[in-house]
Amino acid sequence: MKNLIALRTLSQVPYSMLAKLLNANSYMIRIYEAGRMRMPAEECEMLSKMFRVEREKIQNSKLEFTEEDIQKLINISKMTDEDKLKSLAS
């Protein structure tokens, strides 16, 4: 899932934090990113709400993030880990 990787790396959210937010484990996040397993729709929906991007962009790697999406992710990357967790969990 190319867009899941982009979402995580642009926002500089570590595997461990993403796993915590999704109530999953880091290993599963890596499996989703590698495309060995499809991320459940509920988790895609949660990511969509947390990062404020369309769910379809997370699920479908053929869709591109807009400049606005990218800017949101870059803004997240500038936060401290504690602030990222608070922002994404709200």
C-alpha atoms as a PDB file:
ATOM      1  CA  MET A   1       0.000   0.000   0.000  1.00  0.00           C
ATOM      2  CA  LYS A   2       2.063   2.832  -1.375  1.00  0.00           C
ATOM      3  CA  ASN A   3      -0.215   5.496   0.079  1.00  0.00           C
ATOM      4  CA  LEU A   4      -0.090   4.016   3.570  1.00  0.00           C
ATOM      5  CA  ILE A   5       3.694   4.219   3.434  1.00  0.00           C
ATOM      6  CA  ALA A   6       3.491   7.815   2.174  1.00  0.00           C
ATOM      7  CA  LEU A   7       0.978   8.706   4.879  1.00  0.00           C
ATOM      8  CA  ARG A   8       3.233   7.349   7.612  1.00  0.00           C
ATOM      9  CA  THR A   9       6.531   8.661   6.261  1.00  0.00           C
ATOM     10  CA  LEU A  10       5.351  12.160   5.287  1.00  0.00           C
ATOM     11  CA  SER A  11       3.799  12.655   8.699  1.00  0.00           C
ATOM     12  CA  GLN A  12       6.809  10.991  10.379  1.00  0.00           C
ATOM     13  CA  VAL A  13       4.571   8.806  12.498  1.00  0.00           C
ATOM     14  CA  PRO A  14       6.508   5.750  13.667  1.00  0.00           C
ATOM     15  CA  TYR A  15       5.150   2.231  13.276  1.00  0.00           C
ATOM     16  CA  SER A  16       4.680   1.947  17.022  1.00  0.00           C
ATOM     17  CA  MET A  17       2.506   5.075  17.226  1.00  0.00           C
ATOM     18  CA  LEU A  18       0.398   4.094  14.234  1.00  0.00           C
ATOM     19  CA  ALA A  19      -0.073   0.627  15.712  1.00  0.00           C
ATOM     20  CA  LYS A  20      -1.120   2.129  19.039  1.00  0.00           C
ATOM     21  CA  LEU A  21      -3.653   4.422  17.361  1.00  0.00           C
ATOM     22  CA  LEU A  22      -5.138   1.512  15.400  1.00  0.00           C
ATOM     23  CA  ASN A  23      -5.006  -0.876  18.353  1.00  0.00           C
ATOM     24  CA  ALA A  24      -2.834  -3.165  16.250  1.00  0.00           C
ATOM     25  CA  ASN A  25       0.850  -4.063  16.284  1.00  0.00           C
ATOM     26  CA  SER A  26       3.791  -2.767  14.265  1.00  0.00           C
ATOM     27  CA  TYR A  27       4.138  -6.091  12.462  1.00  0.00           C
ATOM     28  CA  MET A  28       0.615  -5.776  11.022  1.00  0.00           C
ATOM     29  CA  ILE A  29       1.312  -2.247   9.799  1.00  0.00           C
ATOM     30  CA  ARG A  30       4.376  -3.564   7.952  1.00  0.00           C
ATOM     31  CA  ILE A  31       2.298  -6.374   6.424  1.00  0.00           C
ATOM     32  CA  TYR A  32      -0.298  -3.863   5.197  1.00  0.00           C
ATOM     33  CA  GLU A  33       2.429  -1.645   3.731  1.00  0.00           C
ATOM     34  CA  ALA A  34       4.019  -4.594   1.953  1.00  0.00           C
ATOM     35  CA  GLY A  35       0.653  -5.462   0.417  1.00  0.00           C
ATOM     36  CA  ARG A  36       0.688  -8.985   1.851  1.00  0.00           C
ATOM     37  CA  MET A  37      -2.640  -8.355   3.531  1.00  0.00           C
ATOM     38  CA  ARG A  38      -5.400  -5.850   2.930  1.00  0.00           C
ATOM     39  CA  MET A  39      -6.041  -3.379   5.721  1.00  0.00           C
ATOM     40  CA  PRO A  40      -9.565  -3.798   7.144  1.00  0.00           C
ATOM     41  CA  ALA A  41     -12.044  -1.123   6.113  1.00  0.00           C
ATOM     42  CA  GLU A  42     -12.521  -0.039   9.734  1.00  0.00           C
ATOM     43  CA  GLU A  43      -8.821   0.707  10.104  1.00  0.00           C
ATOM     44  CA  CYS A  44      -8.760   2.615   6.804  1.00  0.00           C
ATOM     45  CA  GLU A  45     -11.697   4.654   8.036  1.00  0.00           C
ATOM     46  CA  MET A  46      -9.889   5.391  11.307  1.00  0.00           C
ATOM     47  CA  LEU A  47      -6.764   6.513   9.427  1.00  0.00           C
ATOM     48  CA  SER A  48      -8.884   8.662   7.163  1.00  0.00           C
ATOM     49  CA  LYS A  49     -10.371  10.480  10.140  1.00  0.00           C
ATOM     50  CA  MET A  50      -7.069  10.759  12.014  1.00  0.00           C
ATOM     51  CA  PHE A  51      -5.070  12.151   9.106  1.00  0.00           C
ATOM     52  CA  ARG A  52      -8.027  13.939   7.486  1.00  0.00           C
ATOM     53  CA  VAL A  53      -7.557  12.391   4.050  1.00  0.00           C
ATOM     54  CA  GLU A  54     -10.058  10.476   1.951  1.00  0.00           C
ATOM     55  CA  ARG A  55     -10.301   6.779   2.786  1.00  0.00           C
ATOM     56  CA  GLU A  56     -10.105   5.883  -0.892  1.00  0.00           C
ATOM     57  CA  LYS A  57      -6.646   7.442  -1.083  1.00  0.00           C
ATOM     58  CA  ILE A  58      -5.450   5.158   1.695  1.00  0.00           C
ATOM     59  CA  GLN A  59      -6.972   2.037   0.156  1.00  0.00           C
ATOM     60  CA  ASN A  60      -6.161   2.721  -3.496  1.00  0.00           C
ATOM     61  CA  SER A  61      -2.513   3.360  -4.314  1.00  0.00           C
ATOM     62  CA  LYS A  62      -3.485   4.538  -7.793  1.00  0.00           C
ATOM     63  CA  LEU A  63      -4.989   7.664  -6.250  1.00  0.00           C
ATOM     64  CA  GLU A  64      -2.589  10.506  -5.505  1.00  0.00           C
ATOM     65  CA  PHE A  65      -2.536  12.765  -2.478  1.00  0.00           C
ATOM     66  CA  THR A  66      -3.381  16.390  -3.238  1.00  0.00           C
ATOM     67  CA  GLU A  67      -1.054  19.237  -2.299  1.00  0.00           C
ATOM     68  CA  GLU A  68      -3.452  19.996   0.547  1.00  0.00           C
ATOM     69  CA  ASP A  69      -3.200  16.387   1.816  1.00  0.00           C
ATOM     70  CA  ILE A  70       0.583  16.527   1.647  1.00  0.00           C
ATOM     71  CA  GLN A  71       0.667  19.825   3.533  1.00  0.00           C
ATOM     72  CA  LYS A  72      -1.506  18.330   6.307  1.00  0.00           C
ATOM     73  CA  LEU A  73       0.930  15.424   6.625  1.00  0.00           C
ATOM     74  CA  ILE A  74       3.949  17.732   6.665  1.00  0.00           C
ATOM     75  CA  ASN A  75       2.309  19.801   9.396  1.00  0.00           C
ATOM     76  CA  ILE A  76       1.893  16.632  11.461  1.00  0.00           C
ATOM     77  CA  SER A  77       5.574  15.818  10.919  1.00  0.00           C
ATOM     78  CA  LYS A  78       6.555  19.093  12.595  1.00  0.00           C
ATOM     79  CA  MET A  79       4.795  18.159  15.836  1.00  0.00           C
ATOM     80  CA  THR A  80       6.396  16.447  18.786  1.00  0.00           C
ATOM     81  CA  ASP A  81       5.496  12.782  19.176  1.00  0.00           C
ATOM     82  CA  GLU A  82       3.290  13.659  22.129  1.00  0.00           C
ATOM     83  CA  ASP A  83       1.431  16.301  20.091  1.00  0.00           C
ATOM     84  CA  LYS A  84       1.102  13.914  17.141  1.00  0.00           C
ATOM     85  CA  LEU A  85      -0.511  11.326  19.377  1.00  0.00           C
ATOM     86  CA  LYS A  86      -2.920  13.877  20.843  1.00  0.00           C
ATOM     87  CA  SER A  87      -3.809  15.328  17.436  1.00  0.00           C
ATOM     88  CA  LEU A  88      -4.318  11.996  15.715  1.00  0.00           C
ATOM     89  CA  ALA A  89      -6.237  10.462  18.600  1.00  0.00           C
ATOM     90  CA  SER A  90      -8.733  13.334  18.755  1.00  0.00           C
END
